Amino acid sequence: MYSGTLRIEGRFRGMLDGTAIVSAGTTAEIAGMVNGSLIVEAGAVAHVSGMVNGAIRNRGGTVTVSGMVSD
């Protein structure tokens, strides 16, 4: 379990209570649970196959969702 803000690159399978950020130019798969917001920066790629219990804020990246988003 992580708390706070976490920059994610690659596959994330854990649990986060806070904000997840996918940095510009990186790719991430959210296969775990984020209890907070997901921010996808310009040029980043995020695939949500797990759960985001909050908002996804796309700031110019690419986002695909095959899991669950509750906001």
N, C-alpha and C. Protein backbone atom coordinates (compact mmCIF):
# COMPACT_ATOMS: atom_id res chain seq x y z
N MET A 1 0.85 -1.18 0.00
CA MET A 1 0.00 0.00 0.00
C MET A 1 0.89 1.24 0.00
N TYR A 2 0.63 2.13 -0.92
CA TYR A 2 1.34 3.39 -1.01
C TYR A 2 0.39 4.51 -0.61
N SER A 3 0.94 5.59 -0.07
CA SER A 3 0.15 6.78 0.27
C SER A 3 0.82 8.00 -0.32
N GLY A 4 0.00 8.95 -0.77
CA GLY A 4 0.55 10.20 -1.29
C GLY A 4 0.54 10.22 -2.80
N THR A 5 1.55 10.86 -3.37
CA THR A 5 1.68 10.98 -4.82
C THR A 5 2.74 10.01 -5.31
N LEU A 6 2.42 9.29 -6.38
CA LEU A 6 3.33 8.27 -6.91
C LEU A 6 3.41 8.41 -8.42
N ARG A 7 4.64 8.51 -8.94
CA ARG A 7 4.85 8.50 -10.39
C ARG A 7 4.97 7.05 -10.82
N ILE A 8 4.19 6.68 -11.83
CA ILE A 8 4.11 5.29 -12.25
C ILE A 8 4.64 5.15 -13.67
N GLU A 9 5.47 4.14 -13.86
CA GLU A 9 5.97 3.76 -15.18
C GLU A 9 5.99 2.24 -15.22
N GLY A 10 5.56 1.66 -16.32
CA GLY A 10 5.48 0.21 -16.39
C GLY A 10 4.17 -0.28 -15.80
N ARG A 11 4.19 -1.49 -15.23
CA ARG A 11 2.96 -2.10 -14.69
C ARG A 11 2.87 -1.84 -13.19
N PHE A 12 1.73 -1.30 -12.76
CA PHE A 12 1.47 -1.04 -11.35
C PHE A 12 0.39 -2.00 -10.88
N ARG A 13 0.73 -2.86 -9.91
CA ARG A 13 -0.22 -3.87 -9.41
C ARG A 13 -0.62 -3.64 -7.96
N GLY A 14 -0.10 -2.63 -7.33
CA GLY A 14 -0.36 -2.41 -5.91
C GLY A 14 -1.61 -1.60 -5.65
N MET A 15 -1.65 -1.03 -4.46
CA MET A 15 -2.74 -0.15 -4.05
C MET A 15 -2.15 1.21 -3.69
N LEU A 16 -2.79 2.27 -4.15
CA LEU A 16 -2.34 3.63 -3.88
C LEU A 16 -3.48 4.43 -3.31
N ASP A 17 -3.26 5.06 -2.18
CA ASP A 17 -4.22 6.00 -1.59
C ASP A 17 -3.64 7.38 -1.82
N GLY A 18 -3.98 7.98 -2.95
CA GLY A 18 -3.43 9.28 -3.31
C GLY A 18 -3.52 9.50 -4.81
N THR A 19 -2.56 10.23 -5.35
CA THR A 19 -2.55 10.60 -6.76
C THR A 19 -1.48 9.83 -7.51
N ALA A 20 -1.88 9.25 -8.64
CA ALA A 20 -0.94 8.57 -9.53
C ALA A 20 -0.66 9.48 -10.71
N ILE A 21 0.60 9.58 -11.09
CA ILE A 21 1.00 10.41 -12.23
C ILE A 21 1.78 9.54 -13.22
N VAL A 22 1.35 9.57 -14.49
CA VAL A 22 2.12 8.95 -15.55
C VAL A 22 2.86 10.09 -16.25
N SER A 23 4.18 10.09 -16.11
CA SER A 23 5.01 11.18 -16.60
C SER A 23 5.07 11.23 -18.13
N ALA A 24 5.31 12.42 -18.65
CA ALA A 24 5.43 12.64 -20.09
C ALA A 24 6.45 11.67 -20.68
N GLY A 25 6.08 11.06 -21.81
CA GLY A 25 7.00 10.19 -22.51
C GLY A 25 7.09 8.77 -21.97
N THR A 26 6.30 8.43 -20.95
CA THR A 26 6.35 7.08 -20.38
C THR A 26 5.04 6.36 -20.64
N THR A 27 5.06 5.05 -20.41
CA THR A 27 3.87 4.21 -20.57
C THR A 27 3.63 3.47 -19.27
N ALA A 28 2.37 3.39 -18.86
CA ALA A 28 2.04 2.68 -17.62
C ALA A 28 0.74 1.90 -17.80
N GLU A 29 0.70 0.75 -17.13
CA GLU A 29 -0.55 0.00 -17.03
C GLU A 29 -0.93 -0.04 -15.56
N ILE A 30 -2.11 0.48 -15.25
CA ILE A 30 -2.62 0.49 -13.88
C ILE A 30 -3.44 -0.78 -13.72
N ALA A 31 -2.82 -1.83 -13.16
CA ALA A 31 -3.49 -3.10 -12.98
C ALA A 31 -3.94 -3.27 -11.54
N GLY A 32 -3.57 -2.34 -10.69
CA GLY A 32 -3.96 -2.37 -9.29
C GLY A 32 -5.09 -1.40 -9.03
N MET A 33 -5.07 -0.78 -7.85
CA MET A 33 -6.13 0.14 -7.45
C MET A 33 -5.55 1.49 -7.04
N VAL A 34 -6.12 2.55 -7.59
CA VAL A 34 -5.77 3.91 -7.21
C VAL A 34 -6.99 4.53 -6.55
N ASN A 35 -6.88 4.84 -5.28
CA ASN A 35 -7.95 5.50 -4.54
C ASN A 35 -7.64 6.99 -4.53
N GLY A 36 -7.89 7.62 -5.68
CA GLY A 36 -7.57 9.03 -5.87
C GLY A 36 -7.55 9.30 -7.36
N SER A 37 -6.88 10.36 -7.77
CA SER A 37 -6.84 10.76 -9.17
C SER A 37 -5.68 10.13 -9.92
N LEU A 38 -5.88 9.99 -11.23
CA LEU A 38 -4.83 9.58 -12.14
C LEU A 38 -4.57 10.73 -13.09
N ILE A 39 -3.34 11.22 -13.13
CA ILE A 39 -2.96 12.31 -14.02
C ILE A 39 -2.06 11.74 -15.10
N VAL A 40 -2.43 11.97 -16.37
CA VAL A 40 -1.65 11.50 -17.50
C VAL A 40 -1.09 12.72 -18.21
N GLU A 41 0.24 12.89 -18.13
CA GLU A 41 0.88 14.07 -18.70
C GLU A 41 0.99 13.96 -20.22
N ALA A 42 1.29 15.08 -20.87
CA ALA A 42 1.41 15.13 -22.33
C ALA A 42 2.43 14.11 -22.82
N GLY A 43 2.04 13.35 -23.85
CA GLY A 43 2.94 12.37 -24.43
C GLY A 43 3.01 11.04 -23.70
N ALA A 44 2.33 10.92 -22.58
CA ALA A 44 2.32 9.66 -21.81
C ALA A 44 1.21 8.76 -22.32
N VAL A 45 1.34 7.46 -22.03
CA VAL A 45 0.32 6.48 -22.39
C VAL A 45 -0.07 5.74 -21.12
N ALA A 46 -1.37 5.70 -20.82
CA ALA A 46 -1.85 4.99 -19.64
C ALA A 46 -2.97 4.05 -20.03
N HIS A 47 -2.86 2.82 -19.57
CA HIS A 47 -3.92 1.84 -19.77
C HIS A 47 -4.40 1.41 -18.39
N VAL A 48 -5.69 1.58 -18.13
CA VAL A 48 -6.27 1.20 -16.85
C VAL A 48 -6.97 -0.14 -17.01
N SER A 49 -6.36 -1.19 -16.45
CA SER A 49 -6.99 -2.50 -16.46
C SER A 49 -7.45 -2.86 -15.04
N GLY A 50 -7.07 -2.04 -14.09
CA GLY A 50 -7.49 -2.21 -12.70
C GLY A 50 -8.61 -1.25 -12.37
N MET A 51 -8.46 -0.50 -11.28
CA MET A 51 -9.51 0.40 -10.82
C MET A 51 -8.94 1.75 -10.41
N VAL A 52 -9.61 2.82 -10.84
CA VAL A 52 -9.31 4.17 -10.37
C VAL A 52 -10.57 4.67 -9.69
N ASN A 53 -10.46 4.91 -8.39
CA ASN A 53 -11.59 5.41 -7.61
C ASN A 53 -11.44 6.92 -7.47
N GLY A 54 -11.58 7.61 -8.60
CA GLY A 54 -11.41 9.05 -8.65
C GLY A 54 -11.41 9.49 -10.10
N ALA A 55 -10.94 10.68 -10.35
CA ALA A 55 -10.95 11.25 -11.70
C ALA A 55 -9.68 10.89 -12.46
N ILE A 56 -9.83 10.78 -13.78
CA ILE A 56 -8.67 10.69 -14.66
C ILE A 56 -8.52 12.04 -15.33
N ARG A 57 -7.37 12.64 -15.18
CA ARG A 57 -7.09 13.95 -15.78
C ARG A 57 -6.06 13.75 -16.90
N ASN A 58 -6.54 13.86 -18.12
CA ASN A 58 -5.67 13.67 -19.29
C ASN A 58 -5.14 15.03 -19.72
N ARG A 59 -3.84 15.22 -19.60
CA ARG A 59 -3.21 16.49 -19.94
C ARG A 59 -2.45 16.40 -21.27
N GLY A 60 -2.98 15.62 -22.19
CA GLY A 60 -2.38 15.53 -23.53
C GLY A 60 -1.78 14.18 -23.83
N GLY A 61 -2.08 13.19 -23.02
CA GLY A 61 -1.58 11.83 -23.26
C GLY A 61 -2.64 10.97 -23.91
N THR A 62 -2.42 9.66 -23.85
CA THR A 62 -3.37 8.70 -24.39
C THR A 62 -3.82 7.81 -23.25
N VAL A 63 -5.13 7.66 -23.08
CA VAL A 63 -5.69 6.85 -22.00
C VAL A 63 -6.66 5.84 -22.57
N THR A 64 -6.49 4.56 -22.17
CA THR A 64 -7.47 3.54 -22.50
C THR A 64 -7.91 2.88 -21.19
N VAL A 65 -9.17 2.50 -21.15
CA VAL A 65 -9.73 1.90 -19.95
C VAL A 65 -10.41 0.59 -20.31
N SER A 66 -9.97 -0.50 -19.68
CA SER A 66 -10.67 -1.77 -19.79
C SER A 66 -11.07 -2.25 -18.39
N GLY A 67 -10.68 -1.47 -17.39
CA GLY A 67 -11.03 -1.77 -16.00
C GLY A 67 -12.18 -0.88 -15.56
N MET A 68 -12.08 -0.35 -14.32
CA MET A 68 -13.15 0.46 -13.77
C MET A 68 -12.65 1.83 -13.34
N VAL A 69 -13.46 2.83 -13.61
CA VAL A 69 -13.22 4.19 -13.14
C VAL A 69 -14.51 4.67 -12.51
N SER A 70 -14.43 5.14 -11.26
CA SER A 70 -15.66 5.46 -10.55
C SER A 70 -16.05 6.92 -10.57
N ASP A 71 -15.27 7.78 -11.15
CA ASP A 71 -15.63 9.20 -11.16
C ASP A 71 -16.08 9.64 -12.52
